[in-house]
Protein backbone atom coordinates (compact mmCIF):
# COMPACT_ATOMS: atom_id res chain seq x y z
CA MET A 1 92.61 159.61 1.74
CA GLU A 2 94.84 156.52 1.69
CA TRP A 3 95.34 154.71 4.99
CA TYR A 4 98.96 155.84 5.38
CA GLU A 5 97.91 159.50 5.01
CA ASP A 6 95.61 159.31 8.05
CA ASP A 7 97.51 160.64 11.06
CA THR A 8 94.86 159.31 13.44
CA PHE A 9 95.83 155.75 12.44
CA TRP A 10 99.45 156.32 13.46
CA VAL A 11 98.49 158.09 16.69
CA ASP A 12 95.85 155.57 17.76
CA PHE A 13 97.99 152.51 17.04
CA ALA A 14 101.40 153.93 17.96
CA GLY A 15 101.43 151.96 21.20
CA ALA A 16 101.07 148.71 19.26
CA LEU A 17 103.36 149.63 16.38
CA PHE A 18 106.22 151.19 18.36
CA THR A 19 106.36 149.24 21.59
CA PRO A 20 109.03 149.61 24.29
CA ARG A 21 110.32 146.18 23.22
CA ARG A 22 110.83 147.43 19.67
CA ARG A 23 112.68 150.48 20.96
CA ARG A 24 114.97 148.28 23.05
CA GLU A 25 115.59 145.97 20.10
CA ALA A 26 116.41 148.90 17.83
CA ARG A 27 119.01 150.20 20.27
CA THR A 28 120.54 146.73 20.53
CA TRP A 29 120.75 146.26 16.77
CA VAL A 30 122.17 149.73 16.15
CA THR A 31 124.97 148.80 18.55
CA THR A 32 125.60 145.21 17.44
CA SER A 33 124.26 144.54 13.95
CA PRO A 34 126.80 144.31 11.10
CA LEU A 35 124.01 145.51 8.81
CA LEU A 36 123.79 148.81 10.69
CA ASP A 37 127.54 149.28 11.09
CA THR A 38 128.25 152.95 10.40
CA ALA A 39 131.31 155.07 11.07
CA ALA A 40 130.97 158.20 13.19
CA GLY A 41 129.86 161.06 10.96
CA SER A 42 128.20 158.78 8.39
CA ARG A 43 125.16 160.32 6.72
CA VAL A 44 122.07 158.16 7.23
CA LEU A 45 118.60 158.56 5.74
CA ASP A 46 115.75 156.83 7.58
CA LEU A 47 112.78 156.53 5.19
CA GLY A 48 109.54 156.19 7.13
CA CYS A 49 111.31 157.04 10.38
CA GLY A 50 108.15 157.07 12.52
CA PRO A 51 108.85 158.23 16.10
CA GLY A 52 112.62 157.89 15.63
CA THR A 53 112.93 154.26 16.73
CA TYR A 54 116.12 153.80 14.70
CA ALA A 55 116.96 157.41 13.86
CA VAL A 56 117.68 158.45 17.44
CA PRO A 57 119.92 155.49 18.39
CA LEU A 58 121.85 155.97 15.14
CA ALA A 59 122.37 159.63 16.02
CA GLU A 60 123.53 158.59 19.48
CA ARG A 61 126.17 156.44 17.77
CA GLY A 62 127.50 159.50 15.96
CA ALA A 63 125.69 159.29 12.62
CA ARG A 64 124.28 162.39 10.96
CA VAL A 65 120.68 161.29 10.55
CA THR A 66 117.83 162.59 8.43
CA GLY A 67 114.42 161.10 9.21
CA VAL A 68 111.66 161.36 6.60
CA ASP A 69 108.02 160.62 7.31
CA LEU A 70 104.62 161.75 6.04
CA SER A 71 103.08 161.77 9.52
CA ALA A 72 103.40 165.08 11.35
CA ALA A 73 102.44 163.35 14.59
CA MET A 74 105.20 160.73 14.30
CA LEU A 75 107.76 163.39 13.39
CA GLY A 76 106.72 165.27 16.51
CA ARG A 77 107.42 162.20 18.62
CA ALA A 78 110.75 161.69 16.86
CA ARG A 79 111.68 165.29 17.64
CA GLU A 80 110.83 164.78 21.31
CA ALA A 81 112.91 161.58 21.41
CA ALA A 82 115.89 163.30 19.80
CA GLU A 83 115.68 166.22 22.22
CA ALA A 84 115.45 163.83 25.18
CA ALA A 85 118.55 162.03 23.93
CA GLY A 86 120.37 165.30 23.37
CA ARG A 87 121.22 164.34 19.79
CA PRO A 88 120.41 166.31 16.64
CA VAL A 89 118.25 164.53 14.07
CA ARG A 90 117.12 166.36 10.96
CA LEU A 91 113.41 165.61 10.47
CA VAL A 92 111.61 166.21 7.20
CA ARG A 93 107.91 165.80 6.47
CA ALA A 94 107.82 164.41 2.94
CA ASP A 95 106.41 161.68 0.72
CA MET A 96 109.02 158.99 0.02
CA ARG A 97 107.86 158.91 -3.59
CA GLU A 98 109.12 162.48 -3.94
CA PHE A 99 112.00 162.83 -1.48
CA VAL A 100 115.42 162.80 -3.17
CA GLU A 101 118.67 164.41 -2.05
CA THR A 102 121.12 163.39 -4.72
CA CYS A 103 124.35 161.69 -3.62
CA SER A 104 123.88 162.78 -0.01
CA TYR A 105 123.85 159.60 2.11
CA ASP A 106 126.15 156.72 2.97
CA LEU A 107 123.28 154.56 4.23
CA VAL A 108 119.53 154.58 3.56
CA ILE A 109 117.32 152.43 5.80
CA SER A 110 113.66 151.41 5.61
CA MET A 111 112.55 149.61 8.77
CA TYR A 112 109.42 147.75 9.94
CA THR A 113 108.02 147.01 6.47
CA SER A 114 107.78 150.70 5.62
CA PHE A 115 108.19 149.74 1.97
CA GLY A 116 105.31 148.66 -0.27
CA TYR A 117 102.60 151.07 0.92
CA PHE A 118 101.50 152.30 -2.49
CA PRO A 119 98.83 150.48 -4.57
CA ASP A 120 100.60 151.31 -7.85
CA PRO A 121 103.65 149.00 -8.18
CA ALA A 122 105.49 151.68 -10.16
CA GLN A 123 105.34 154.01 -7.17
CA ASN A 124 106.99 151.45 -4.89
CA GLN A 125 109.67 150.97 -7.52
CA LEU A 126 110.13 154.75 -7.59
CA VAL A 127 110.90 154.71 -3.84
CA LEU A 128 113.82 152.35 -4.50
CA ARG A 129 115.06 154.49 -7.35
CA ASN A 130 114.85 157.60 -5.15
CA ALA A 131 116.91 155.81 -2.51
CA TRP A 132 119.50 154.92 -5.18
CA ARG A 133 119.70 158.56 -6.24
CA SER A 134 120.05 159.77 -2.63
CA LEU A 135 122.97 157.43 -1.92
CA VAL A 136 126.57 158.28 -2.67
CA PRO A 137 128.30 155.85 -5.07
CA GLY A 138 129.22 152.84 -2.96
CA GLY A 139 126.50 153.68 -0.40
CA ARG A 140 124.15 151.05 1.02
CA LEU A 141 120.43 150.51 1.25
CA LEU A 142 118.97 148.32 4.01
CA VAL A 143 115.30 147.26 3.75
CA ASP A 144 113.54 145.41 6.59
CA LEU A 145 110.46 143.46 5.45
CA PHE A 146 107.80 141.10 6.72
CA SER A 147 108.30 139.02 3.60
CA LYS A 148 105.91 136.82 1.66
CA GLU A 149 107.64 133.67 2.89
CA VAL A 150 107.40 134.75 6.53
CA PHE A 151 103.90 136.14 6.14
CA ALA A 152 102.71 132.78 4.75
CA ARG A 153 103.44 131.23 8.16
CA TRP A 154 101.66 134.06 9.96
CA ALA A 155 98.52 134.72 7.90
CA GLY A 156 95.27 132.84 8.17
CA THR A 157 94.58 132.78 11.92
CA PRO A 158 93.17 135.83 13.75
CA LYS A 159 95.41 136.89 16.61
CA ALA A 160 95.04 138.70 19.93
CA VAL A 161 98.05 140.50 21.41
CA GLU A 162 98.18 142.20 24.79
CA VAL A 163 99.43 145.77 24.45
CA ASP A 164 99.93 148.57 26.94
CA GLY A 165 96.60 149.02 28.68
CA GLY A 166 94.54 146.85 26.35
CA TRP A 167 94.31 144.20 23.65
CA LEU A 168 94.95 144.29 19.91
CA PHE A 169 92.96 141.94 17.67
CA MET A 170 94.40 141.32 14.18
CA ARG A 171 92.96 139.62 11.12
CA ASP A 172 94.90 139.36 7.85
CA THR A 173 93.55 138.82 4.33
CA VAL A 174 95.68 137.91 1.31
CA LEU A 175 94.80 139.96 -1.78
CA ASP A 176 95.40 139.75 -5.52
CA ASP A 177 96.94 136.28 -5.73
CA TRP A 178 99.47 136.87 -2.93
CA THR A 179 100.51 140.23 -4.34
CA ARG A 180 99.15 142.36 -1.50
CA PHE A 181 97.51 141.92 1.89
CA ARG A 182 95.11 143.74 4.18
CA SER A 183 95.43 143.70 7.96
CA ASP A 184 92.40 144.71 10.04
CA TRP A 185 93.17 145.81 13.58
CA THR A 186 90.87 146.45 16.51
CA LEU A 187 92.39 148.00 19.61
CA VAL A 188 90.33 147.66 22.80
CA ARG A 189 91.44 149.87 25.66
CA ASP A 190 89.50 151.29 28.62
CA GLY A 191 86.27 149.87 27.23
CA VAL A 192 86.70 151.69 23.92
CA ALA A 193 87.31 149.91 20.59
CA ARG A 194 89.23 151.59 17.76
CA HIS A 195 89.28 149.94 14.33
CA GLY A 196 91.88 150.53 11.65
CA PHE A 197 93.45 148.75 8.71
CA PHE A 198 96.34 148.90 6.32
CA GLU A 199 96.99 147.40 2.90
CA GLN A 200 100.32 146.95 1.19
CA PHE A 201 102.40 144.81 -1.10
CA VAL A 202 104.06 141.71 0.30
CA TYR A 203 107.31 140.72 -1.42
CA SER A 204 109.29 137.52 -1.63
CA ALA A 205 113.08 137.63 -1.49
CA ALA A 206 113.20 136.92 -5.23
CA GLU A 207 110.78 139.75 -5.99
CA ILE A 208 112.60 142.35 -3.94
CA ARG A 209 115.91 141.25 -5.50
CA TRP A 210 114.44 141.84 -8.95
CA MET A 211 113.13 145.27 -7.97
CA LEU A 212 116.46 146.34 -6.50
CA THR A 213 118.29 145.17 -9.60
CA ALA A 214 115.86 147.14 -11.78
CA ALA A 215 116.51 150.22 -9.61
CA GLY A 216 120.25 149.96 -10.33
CA PHE A 217 121.55 148.28 -7.16
CA VAL A 218 124.27 145.63 -7.02
CA ASP A 219 125.70 143.33 -4.32
CA ILE A 220 122.17 142.40 -3.20
CA ARG A 221 122.17 140.11 -0.17
CA CYS A 222 119.31 138.68 1.88
CA PHE A 223 119.46 137.96 5.62
CA GLY A 224 117.04 136.44 8.09
CA GLY A 225 117.75 138.93 10.87
CA PHE A 226 119.88 141.83 12.04
CA ALA A 227 122.64 139.51 13.21
CA GLY A 228 123.22 138.51 9.59
CA GLU A 229 121.51 135.12 9.84
CA PRO A 230 120.78 133.25 6.61
CA TYR A 231 117.40 133.87 5.04
CA ASP A 232 115.92 130.39 5.32
CA ASN A 233 112.93 128.57 6.81
CA HIS A 234 113.87 129.79 10.30
CA ALA A 235 113.87 133.49 9.38
CA GLN A 236 111.50 135.82 11.21
CA ARG A 237 112.21 138.84 8.98
CA LEU A 238 113.77 139.58 5.62
CA LEU A 239 116.65 142.06 5.68
CA VAL A 240 117.91 143.03 2.23
CA GLN A 241 121.16 144.90 1.77
CA ALA A 242 122.04 146.45 -1.58
CA THR A 243 124.70 148.85 -2.87
CA ARG A 244 124.72 151.73 -5.30
CA PRO A 245 127.63 151.02 -7.68
CA THR A 246 130.68 153.24 -7.70
CA GLU A 247 131.67 155.05 -10.85
CA SER A 248 133.72 152.01 -11.88
CA GLY A 249 130.85 149.64 -11.05
CA ALA A 250 132.64 148.12 -8.03
CA SER A 251 131.43 148.39 -4.46
CA THR A 252 133.89 150.24 -2.23
CA ALA A 253 131.80 151.23 0.80
CA THR A 254 133.10 149.92 4.12
CA GLY A 255 131.35 148.22 7.00
CA ARG A 256 129.59 145.57 4.87
CA ALA A 257 127.95 142.56 6.43
CA GLY A 258 129.73 139.47 5.25
CA ALA A 259 132.53 141.46 3.63
């Protein structure tokens, strides 16, 4: 079993991965970010939706949202969040390497470094191609990454973070000549320690640009945050926006950041 297939990992570390602060931030960005600007009725696909952190606020804004995740437990939490909000969200348990609904979405999002899980580079490339196929011509893809440039400032020093009811200890290891990384986590709560880890690819802006181009996307733009900041030495995240070309090869979708 690969780490991302283990539902106990997502359940045990959900409190650290999907904090109240992250939920508040997601609601703020859905309301204010030009990168998440969607018209009412827009069809949105959230790949790796987790407990609905972005899917539910997008539905509250009037989008028709489909959330895809491999974790049954996280989909259950997303369903509860959608019901509490009184907004319909279509939730599908599926592997993002296999999920395709051709020409069905105006926007596809991948949040919280949910891209790069698979040890075979071709499978990560397939995820991008599947997103391209699921978009309508002129539709957008938005990928949120903890990029190689940002990770280089973060990695190297073990960290302790206070979480709800306990402490999370993190240690990162760079793998394969800065191609991938492993993060070992130990959560200590109520006198009990739970250990887990994840491994995934870490991409630079140049690398993800190349991959998106190879997948068929155009109008690829990099940002340092949801407000549309430049991707520079001050960036805390890498947000990459890309467009599936129209039949004529020109981008016609509306609501573009920086348009």
